[in-house]
Structure formats: C-alpha cells, structure tokens
Amino acid sequence: MKTCAVEFVQLVTYRFEVTAESEEEAEEAAWDFWETVPVAEEYRYYHDADDRYVDSVTLKGDK
C-alpha cells in the first residue's frame, strides 16, 4: 500500500443572520461576524455542501 496526500475540495453553504441598515452594511457585518466564528463552531451555521471533488493526489515517499 502506498501513502498519498489528498486535497479534497468542497463548496459549503453556511446560513446566519445579521442586522444592518443596508445590503452593503449587511455584507460587511457578515464578514465581520464570520471572521469571529471559531472553526469548531462553523457546524452550527452549516446548510449544505455541493461541488465535492478531489483536487489533487500526490504519492508520498515511503520511509
């Protein structure tokens, strides 16, 4: 058996709400909010996943 490094890419949709005066401010508020969400908490906002594919497979040297 060979060991391979795999890069798996998946487009994920997250949903949450922000309060703002305009769509432009809402977009900025969304970025500000998302930057504060710890990776371990992202599952709380998970909605759906699409476009899954293996981007690369690289054979690693055996030791």
N, C-alpha and C. Protein backbone atom coordinates (compact mmCIF):
# COMPACT_ATOMS: atom_id res chain seq x y z
N MET A 1 0.83 -1.18 0.00
CA MET A 1 0.00 0.00 0.00
C MET A 1 0.88 1.25 0.00
N LYS A 2 0.50 2.22 -0.77
CA LYS A 2 1.22 3.49 -0.85
C LYS A 2 0.44 4.56 -0.08
N THR A 3 1.16 5.49 0.50
CA THR A 3 0.54 6.62 1.20
C THR A 3 0.47 7.80 0.24
N CYS A 4 -0.72 8.39 0.14
CA CYS A 4 -0.93 9.52 -0.75
C CYS A 4 -1.50 10.70 0.03
N ALA A 5 -1.03 11.90 -0.28
CA ALA A 5 -1.62 13.12 0.27
C ALA A 5 -2.75 13.52 -0.67
N VAL A 6 -3.92 13.78 -0.12
CA VAL A 6 -5.10 14.10 -0.92
C VAL A 6 -5.61 15.48 -0.55
N GLU A 7 -5.91 16.29 -1.56
CA GLU A 7 -6.56 17.57 -1.33
C GLU A 7 -7.99 17.45 -1.82
N PHE A 8 -8.93 17.55 -0.89
CA PHE A 8 -10.35 17.39 -1.17
C PHE A 8 -11.00 18.76 -1.08
N VAL A 9 -11.72 19.17 -2.12
CA VAL A 9 -12.34 20.50 -2.16
C VAL A 9 -13.85 20.32 -2.12
N GLN A 10 -14.51 21.18 -1.34
CA GLN A 10 -15.96 21.11 -1.21
C GLN A 10 -16.51 22.52 -1.03
N LEU A 11 -17.48 22.87 -1.83
CA LEU A 11 -18.15 24.16 -1.69
C LEU A 11 -19.25 24.00 -0.65
N VAL A 12 -19.17 24.77 0.42
CA VAL A 12 -20.12 24.64 1.53
C VAL A 12 -20.92 25.93 1.68
N THR A 13 -22.20 25.78 1.97
CA THR A 13 -23.06 26.93 2.23
C THR A 13 -23.36 27.00 3.72
N TYR A 14 -23.13 28.18 4.29
CA TYR A 14 -23.47 28.45 5.68
C TYR A 14 -24.54 29.52 5.69
N ARG A 15 -25.46 29.46 6.66
CA ARG A 15 -26.51 30.48 6.75
C ARG A 15 -26.55 31.05 8.16
N PHE A 16 -26.70 32.37 8.23
CA PHE A 16 -26.86 33.06 9.50
C PHE A 16 -27.48 34.42 9.20
N GLU A 17 -27.87 35.14 10.24
CA GLU A 17 -28.49 36.45 10.05
C GLU A 17 -27.65 37.53 10.70
N VAL A 18 -27.68 38.73 10.10
CA VAL A 18 -27.06 39.92 10.68
C VAL A 18 -28.08 41.05 10.58
N THR A 19 -27.89 42.07 11.40
CA THR A 19 -28.75 43.25 11.37
C THR A 19 -27.94 44.42 10.82
N ALA A 20 -28.51 45.12 9.84
CA ALA A 20 -27.79 46.24 9.21
C ALA A 20 -28.78 47.19 8.56
N GLU A 21 -28.31 48.39 8.26
CA GLU A 21 -29.13 49.42 7.62
C GLU A 21 -29.28 49.23 6.11
N SER A 22 -28.34 48.54 5.48
CA SER A 22 -28.38 48.35 4.03
C SER A 22 -27.74 47.01 3.67
N GLU A 23 -27.88 46.61 2.42
CA GLU A 23 -27.27 45.37 1.96
C GLU A 23 -25.75 45.45 2.03
N GLU A 24 -25.20 46.62 1.72
CA GLU A 24 -23.74 46.78 1.78
C GLU A 24 -23.24 46.62 3.21
N GLU A 25 -23.96 47.23 4.16
CA GLU A 25 -23.57 47.10 5.56
C GLU A 25 -23.78 45.66 6.05
N ALA A 26 -24.80 45.01 5.53
CA ALA A 26 -25.04 43.61 5.90
C ALA A 26 -23.91 42.71 5.42
N GLU A 27 -23.41 42.98 4.21
CA GLU A 27 -22.29 42.20 3.70
C GLU A 27 -21.06 42.39 4.58
N GLU A 28 -20.79 43.63 4.96
CA GLU A 28 -19.64 43.91 5.83
C GLU A 28 -19.85 43.26 7.20
N ALA A 29 -21.06 43.34 7.72
CA ALA A 29 -21.36 42.73 9.03
C ALA A 29 -21.21 41.21 8.96
N ALA A 30 -21.59 40.62 7.82
CA ALA A 30 -21.45 39.18 7.66
C ALA A 30 -19.99 38.76 7.70
N TRP A 31 -19.13 39.51 6.99
CA TRP A 31 -17.69 39.20 7.02
C TRP A 31 -17.13 39.38 8.42
N ASP A 32 -17.53 40.46 9.09
CA ASP A 32 -17.06 40.70 10.45
C ASP A 32 -17.47 39.57 11.38
N PHE A 33 -18.73 39.12 11.25
CA PHE A 33 -19.21 38.02 12.07
C PHE A 33 -18.45 36.73 11.78
N TRP A 34 -18.35 36.39 10.48
CA TRP A 34 -17.76 35.11 10.12
C TRP A 34 -16.30 35.01 10.55
N GLU A 35 -15.60 36.13 10.52
CA GLU A 35 -14.19 36.12 10.95
C GLU A 35 -14.04 35.81 12.43
N THR A 36 -15.09 35.95 13.21
CA THR A 36 -15.03 35.68 14.65
C THR A 36 -15.49 34.27 15.02
N VAL A 37 -16.06 33.55 14.05
CA VAL A 37 -16.57 32.21 14.33
C VAL A 37 -15.41 31.22 14.35
N PRO A 38 -15.19 30.54 15.48
CA PRO A 38 -14.13 29.53 15.52
C PRO A 38 -14.46 28.36 14.58
N VAL A 39 -13.46 27.78 13.98
CA VAL A 39 -13.66 26.66 13.05
C VAL A 39 -14.50 25.56 13.71
N ALA A 40 -14.27 25.31 14.97
CA ALA A 40 -15.00 24.26 15.68
C ALA A 40 -16.49 24.58 15.83
N GLU A 41 -16.89 25.83 15.59
CA GLU A 41 -18.29 26.24 15.72
C GLU A 41 -19.00 26.40 14.38
N GLU A 42 -18.27 26.28 13.27
CA GLU A 42 -18.87 26.50 11.95
C GLU A 42 -20.05 25.57 11.68
N TYR A 43 -20.02 24.38 12.25
CA TYR A 43 -21.09 23.41 12.00
C TYR A 43 -22.46 23.97 12.40
N ARG A 44 -22.51 24.91 13.32
CA ARG A 44 -23.78 25.49 13.77
C ARG A 44 -24.50 26.24 12.64
N TYR A 45 -23.75 26.70 11.66
CA TYR A 45 -24.30 27.50 10.57
C TYR A 45 -24.34 26.75 9.25
N TYR A 46 -23.90 25.50 9.27
CA TYR A 46 -23.84 24.67 8.06
C TYR A 46 -25.24 24.48 7.48
N HIS A 47 -25.36 24.66 6.18
CA HIS A 47 -26.65 24.44 5.50
C HIS A 47 -26.56 23.32 4.47
N ASP A 48 -25.55 23.35 3.62
CA ASP A 48 -25.49 22.39 2.51
C ASP A 48 -24.07 22.34 1.95
N ALA A 49 -23.77 21.28 1.23
CA ALA A 49 -22.47 21.16 0.56
C ALA A 49 -22.68 20.67 -0.87
N ASP A 50 -21.94 21.27 -1.78
CA ASP A 50 -22.01 20.92 -3.20
C ASP A 50 -20.60 20.87 -3.78
N ASP A 51 -20.53 20.48 -5.04
CA ASP A 51 -19.28 20.52 -5.80
C ASP A 51 -18.11 19.87 -5.06
N ARG A 52 -18.32 18.65 -4.63
CA ARG A 52 -17.23 17.92 -3.98
C ARG A 52 -16.35 17.27 -5.04
N TYR A 53 -15.05 17.43 -4.89
CA TYR A 53 -14.13 16.78 -5.81
C TYR A 53 -12.75 16.66 -5.19
N VAL A 54 -12.01 15.70 -5.67
CA VAL A 54 -10.62 15.54 -5.26
C VAL A 54 -9.80 16.41 -6.19
N ASP A 55 -9.10 17.40 -5.62
CA ASP A 55 -8.34 18.35 -6.41
C ASP A 55 -6.96 17.81 -6.78
N SER A 56 -6.34 17.07 -5.87
CA SER A 56 -5.03 16.52 -6.19
C SER A 56 -4.73 15.30 -5.31
N VAL A 57 -3.93 14.40 -5.87
CA VAL A 57 -3.43 13.25 -5.13
C VAL A 57 -1.94 13.18 -5.42
N THR A 58 -1.13 13.16 -4.36
CA THR A 58 0.32 13.12 -4.51
C THR A 58 0.87 11.94 -3.75
N LEU A 59 1.60 11.10 -4.44
CA LEU A 59 2.23 9.96 -3.79
C LEU A 59 3.33 10.46 -2.87
N LYS A 60 3.26 10.06 -1.61
CA LYS A 60 4.27 10.46 -0.64
C LYS A 60 5.38 9.41 -0.63
N GLY A 61 6.61 9.84 -0.39
CA GLY A 61 7.72 8.91 -0.34
C GLY A 61 7.60 7.95 0.84
N ASP A 62 7.82 6.67 0.61
CA ASP A 62 7.78 5.70 1.70
C ASP A 62 9.05 5.78 2.50
N LYS A 63 8.92 5.63 3.81
CA LYS A 63 10.07 5.69 4.69
C LYS A 63 10.50 4.31 5.10
